C-alpha atoms as a PDB file:
ATOM      1  CA  MET A   1     148.647  22.152 138.741  1.00  0.00           C
ATOM      2  CA  PRO A   2     146.938  19.390 136.757  1.00  0.00           C
ATOM      3  CA  PRO A   3     148.822  17.576 134.028  1.00  0.00           C
ATOM      4  CA  PRO A   4     147.920  18.469 130.454  1.00  0.00           C
ATOM      5  CA  PHE A   5     144.977  16.794 128.751  1.00  0.00           C
ATOM      6  CA  ASN A   6     145.810  13.311 127.379  1.00  0.00           C
ATOM      7  CA  PHE A   7     149.057  13.286 129.339  1.00  0.00           C
ATOM      8  CA  TYR A   8     149.020   9.502 129.495  1.00  0.00           C
ATOM      9  CA  GLU A   9     148.928   7.074 126.606  1.00  0.00           C
ATOM     10  CA  PRO A  10     145.733   5.039 126.120  1.00  0.00           C
ATOM     11  CA  VAL A  11     145.617   1.726 127.929  1.00  0.00           C
ATOM     12  CA  ALA A  12     145.844  -1.256 125.585  1.00  0.00           C
ATOM     13  CA  THR A  13     142.971  -3.649 126.152  1.00  0.00           C
ATOM     14  CA  THR A  14     144.462  -6.675 124.408  1.00  0.00           C
ATOM     15  CA  THR A  15     147.858  -8.304 124.293  1.00  0.00           C
ATOM     16  CA  ALA A  16     149.456 -10.549 121.689  1.00  0.00           C
ATOM     17  CA  ALA A  17     150.329 -13.230 124.234  1.00  0.00           C
ATOM     18  CA  THR A  18     147.671 -15.376 125.849  1.00  0.00           C
ATOM     19  CA  ASN A  19     149.350 -15.077 129.261  1.00  0.00           C
ATOM     20  CA  ALA A  20     150.181 -11.452 129.956  1.00  0.00           C
ATOM     21  CA  SER A  21     153.130 -10.960 132.227  1.00  0.00           C
ATOM     22  CA  ILE A  22     152.743  -9.419 135.658  1.00  0.00           C
ATOM     23  CA  ASP A  23     154.879  -6.495 134.512  1.00  0.00           C
ATOM     24  CA  ARG A  24     152.501  -5.776 131.647  1.00  0.00           C
ATOM     25  CA  VAL A  25     149.508  -5.869 133.982  1.00  0.00           C
ATOM     26  CA  VAL A  26     151.268  -3.567 136.455  1.00  0.00           C
ATOM     27  CA  PHE A  27     152.167  -1.218 133.604  1.00  0.00           C
ATOM     28  CA  GLN A  28     148.554  -1.086 132.429  1.00  0.00           C
ATOM     29  CA  ILE A  29     147.375  -0.410 135.986  1.00  0.00           C
ATOM     30  CA  GLU A  30     149.875   2.448 136.277  1.00  0.00           C
ATOM     31  CA  LEU A  31     148.671   3.930 132.994  1.00  0.00           C
ATOM     32  CA  LEU A  32     145.057   3.593 134.069  1.00  0.00           C
ATOM     33  CA  SER A  33     145.755   5.227 137.428  1.00  0.00           C
ATOM     34  CA  GLY A  34     147.403   8.124 135.609  1.00  0.00           C
ATOM     35  CA  GLN A  35     144.348   8.570 133.411  1.00  0.00           C
ATOM     36  CA  ILE A  36     142.126   8.487 136.506  1.00  0.00           C
ATOM     37  CA  ASN A  37     144.267  11.246 138.044  1.00  0.00           C
ATOM     38  CA  VAL A  38     143.898  13.394 134.923  1.00  0.00           C
ATOM     39  CA  LEU A  39     140.149  12.817 134.925  1.00  0.00           C
ATOM     40  CA  THR A  40     140.012  13.763 138.613  1.00  0.00           C
ATOM     41  CA  TYR A  41     141.731  17.087 137.896  1.00  0.00           C
ATOM     42  CA  GLU A  42     139.300  17.807 135.062  1.00  0.00           C
ATOM     43  CA  VAL A  43     136.250  16.927 137.174  1.00  0.00           C
ATOM     44  CA  ASP A  44     137.520  19.070 140.055  1.00  0.00           C
ATOM     45  CA  GLY A  45     137.877  22.021 137.694  1.00  0.00           C
ATOM     46  CA  ALA A  46     134.400  21.507 136.253  1.00  0.00           C
ATOM     47  CA  VAL A  47     132.838  21.241 139.721  1.00  0.00           C
ATOM     48  CA  ALA A  48     134.615  24.413 140.834  1.00  0.00           C
ATOM     49  CA  GLU A  49     133.283  26.250 137.762  1.00  0.00           C
ATOM     50  CA  ILE A  50     129.736  25.020 138.423  1.00  0.00           C
ATOM     51  CA  ALA A  51     129.994  26.128 142.057  1.00  0.00           C
ATOM     52  CA  LYS A  52     131.251  29.549 140.984  1.00  0.00           C
ATOM     53  CA  ARG A  53     128.406  29.980 138.507  1.00  0.00           C
ATOM     54  CA  GLY A  54     125.905  28.827 141.134  1.00  0.00           C
ATOM     55  CA  GLU A  55     127.140  31.455 143.574  1.00  0.00           C
ATOM     56  CA  GLU A  56     126.925  34.130 140.868  1.00  0.00           C
ATOM     57  CA  THR A  57     123.371  33.054 139.994  1.00  0.00           C
ATOM     58  CA  ILE A  58     122.214  33.123 143.610  1.00  0.00           C
ATOM     59  CA  SER A  59     123.804  36.519 144.118  1.00  0.00           C
ATOM     60  CA  SER A  60     122.180  37.874 140.959  1.00  0.00           C
ATOM     61  CA  ILE A  61     118.733  36.505 141.831  1.00  0.00           C
ATOM     62  CA  SER A  62     118.988  37.848 145.378  1.00  0.00           C
ATOM     63  CA  ASN A  63     120.154  41.255 144.191  1.00  0.00           C
ATOM     64  CA  ASN A  64     117.459  41.499 141.516  1.00  0.00           C
ATOM     65  CA  PHE A  65     114.765  40.425 143.964  1.00  0.00           C
ATOM     66  CA  ASN A  66     115.865  42.896 146.609  1.00  0.00           C
ATOM     67  CA  THR A  67     116.192  45.765 144.143  1.00  0.00           C
ATOM     68  CA  ASP A  68     113.399  45.228 141.626  1.00  0.00           C
ATOM     69  CA  THR A  69     110.796  43.774 143.965  1.00  0.00           C
ATOM     70  CA  ILE A  70     111.047  46.652 146.420  1.00  0.00           C
ATOM     71  CA  LYS A  71     110.712  49.190 143.598  1.00  0.00           C
ATOM     72  CA  ASN A  72     107.742  47.339 142.123  1.00  0.00           C
ATOM     73  CA  VAL A  73     105.987  47.095 145.494  1.00  0.00           C
ATOM     74  CA  GLU A  74     106.529  50.807 146.079  1.00  0.00           C
ATOM     75  CA  ARG A  75     105.069  51.574 142.636  1.00  0.00           C
ATOM     76  CA  MET A  76     102.066  49.353 143.321  1.00  0.00           C
ATOM     77  CA  LEU A  77     101.467  51.052 146.675  1.00  0.00           C
ATOM     78  CA  VAL A  78     101.667  54.512 145.094  1.00  0.00           C
ATOM     79  CA  SER A  79      99.337  53.415 142.304  1.00  0.00           C
ATOM     80  CA  PHE A  80      96.900  51.843 144.764  1.00  0.00           C
ATOM     81  CA  SER A  81      96.915  54.825 147.125  1.00  0.00           C
ATOM     82  CA  SER A  82      96.265  57.244 144.257  1.00  0.00           C
ATOM     83  CA  GLN A  83      93.225  55.196 143.199  1.00  0.00           C
ATOM     84  CA  VAL A  84      91.695  55.166 146.681  1.00  0.00           C
END
């Protein structure tokens, strides 16, 4: 289960000291990696939704083509044969 949106605090881009400590850098990297994980969960969900909608669209197009096209061809053949 993905963590909730904005689970991690924003990463600070500046520090008050000119020489940031290693701990501060490590902390920022940990925060950034957490945000990347959250983003990954969100992207995975969006891709899954797009794939689902794509499958539904293909199924709908295929079904409509197979159903409506056959009926229309049959109507055209009946219409053509009655004119001949």
